[in-house]
């Protein structure tokens, strides 16, 4: 399975919902990327690192521990990354990062 679905943290129902979202959002993200609205270089290195960990399914607390930053800093990086990419949700940002990495 892909990034956010690879951990055994999610219940089967959550995995099914995420799979449906992936199928519906992936084409939209591809169109958005092709339009030049967003690009792989639109995030700072720290925003990309935080977003990539979120795409792997980590919680804000887990990301904070992994990167040795506060949970509030994680939230600020996520909000900045969402604004930069035009994403409106954590899930959409995770799918954007997966798409940007070629998954």
Protein backbone atom coordinates (compact mmCIF):
# COMPACT_ATOMS: atom_id res chain seq x y z
CA UNK A 1 0.00 0.00 0.00
CA UNK A 2 1.00 3.63 -0.32
CA UNK A 3 2.53 5.96 2.27
CA UNK A 4 -0.22 6.84 4.71
CA UNK A 5 -1.79 3.40 4.41
CA UNK A 6 1.35 1.36 5.01
CA UNK A 7 1.21 1.49 8.83
CA UNK A 8 -1.03 -0.88 10.74
CA UNK A 9 -2.33 2.04 12.81
CA UNK A 10 -5.43 2.47 10.66
CA UNK A 11 -8.57 0.36 10.90
CA UNK A 12 -9.86 -1.39 7.77
CA UNK A 13 -12.62 1.20 7.38
CA UNK A 14 -10.06 4.03 7.56
CA UNK A 15 -7.97 2.31 4.90
CA UNK A 16 -11.00 1.94 2.64
CA UNK A 17 -11.91 5.62 3.03
CA UNK A 18 -8.31 6.67 2.39
CA UNK A 19 -8.21 4.47 -0.71
CA UNK A 20 -11.34 6.13 -2.07
CA UNK A 21 -9.97 9.58 -1.32
CA UNK A 22 -6.71 8.69 -3.03
CA UNK A 23 -8.52 7.59 -6.17
CA UNK A 24 -10.58 10.77 -6.27
CA UNK A 25 -7.91 13.27 -5.29
CA UNK A 26 -4.92 11.91 -7.22
CA UNK A 27 -6.26 13.07 -10.64
CA UNK A 28 -7.06 16.50 -9.20
CA UNK A 29 -3.58 16.81 -7.75
CA UNK A 30 -2.08 15.77 -11.08
CA UNK A 31 -4.09 18.46 -12.89
CA UNK A 32 -3.08 21.03 -10.30
CA UNK A 33 0.60 20.09 -10.66
CA UNK A 34 0.41 20.22 -14.47
CA UNK A 35 -1.20 23.66 -14.36
CA UNK A 36 1.91 25.10 -12.73
CA UNK A 37 0.00 26.33 -9.70
CA UNK A 38 2.21 24.29 -7.41
CA UNK A 39 5.53 22.62 -7.86
CA UNK A 40 7.91 20.39 -5.97
CA UNK A 41 10.03 23.38 -4.93
CA UNK A 42 7.19 25.45 -3.46
CA UNK A 43 7.89 24.22 0.09
CA UNK A 44 10.78 25.06 2.37
CA UNK A 45 12.94 22.07 3.35
CA UNK A 46 11.33 21.98 6.81
CA UNK A 47 7.78 22.24 5.42
CA UNK A 48 8.60 19.38 3.05
CA UNK A 49 10.05 17.27 5.87
CA UNK A 50 7.00 17.81 8.07
CA UNK A 51 4.62 17.13 5.17
CA UNK A 52 6.49 13.96 4.18
CA UNK A 53 6.23 12.60 7.72
CA UNK A 54 2.50 13.40 7.75
CA UNK A 55 2.19 11.57 4.41
CA UNK A 56 3.75 8.53 6.11
CA UNK A 57 0.93 8.63 8.66
CA UNK A 58 2.66 10.22 11.64
CA UNK A 59 0.68 12.34 14.07
CA UNK A 60 1.70 15.91 14.90
CA UNK A 61 3.17 14.63 18.17
CA UNK A 62 5.17 11.95 16.32
CA UNK A 63 6.45 14.50 13.79
CA UNK A 64 7.48 16.85 16.60
CA UNK A 65 9.43 14.10 18.33
CA UNK A 66 11.05 12.95 15.08
CA UNK A 67 12.21 16.45 14.13
CA UNK A 68 12.89 17.68 17.69
CA UNK A 69 10.44 20.58 17.40
CA UNK A 70 7.24 21.51 19.23
CA UNK A 71 3.77 20.40 18.17
CA UNK A 72 2.87 24.06 17.58
CA UNK A 73 5.82 24.37 15.18
CA UNK A 74 4.59 21.28 13.34
CA UNK A 75 1.15 22.88 13.01
CA UNK A 76 2.67 26.11 11.69
CA UNK A 77 4.74 24.24 9.10
CA UNK A 78 1.68 22.25 8.03
CA UNK A 79 -0.45 25.37 7.64
CA UNK A 80 2.30 27.09 5.62
CA UNK A 81 2.70 23.99 3.45
CA UNK A 82 -1.04 23.78 2.87
CA UNK A 83 -1.16 27.43 1.89
CA UNK A 84 1.83 27.07 -0.46
CA UNK A 85 0.40 24.01 -2.19
CA UNK A 86 -3.23 25.09 -2.25
CA UNK A 87 -4.24 22.04 -0.23
CA UNK A 88 -7.23 22.43 2.05
CA UNK A 89 -6.74 19.39 4.28
CA UNK A 90 -4.05 17.27 5.86
CA UNK A 91 -5.09 14.34 3.65
CA UNK A 92 -4.84 16.41 0.49
CA UNK A 93 -1.37 17.63 1.55
CA UNK A 94 -0.29 14.03 2.20
CA UNK A 95 -1.50 12.99 -1.25
CA UNK A 96 0.24 16.00 -2.78
CA UNK A 97 3.54 14.96 -1.19
CA UNK A 98 3.07 11.36 -2.32
CA UNK A 99 2.38 12.54 -5.85
CA UNK A 100 5.40 14.88 -5.77
CA UNK A 101 7.62 11.99 -4.69
CA UNK A 102 6.38 9.84 -7.56
CA UNK A 103 4.37 7.36 -5.48
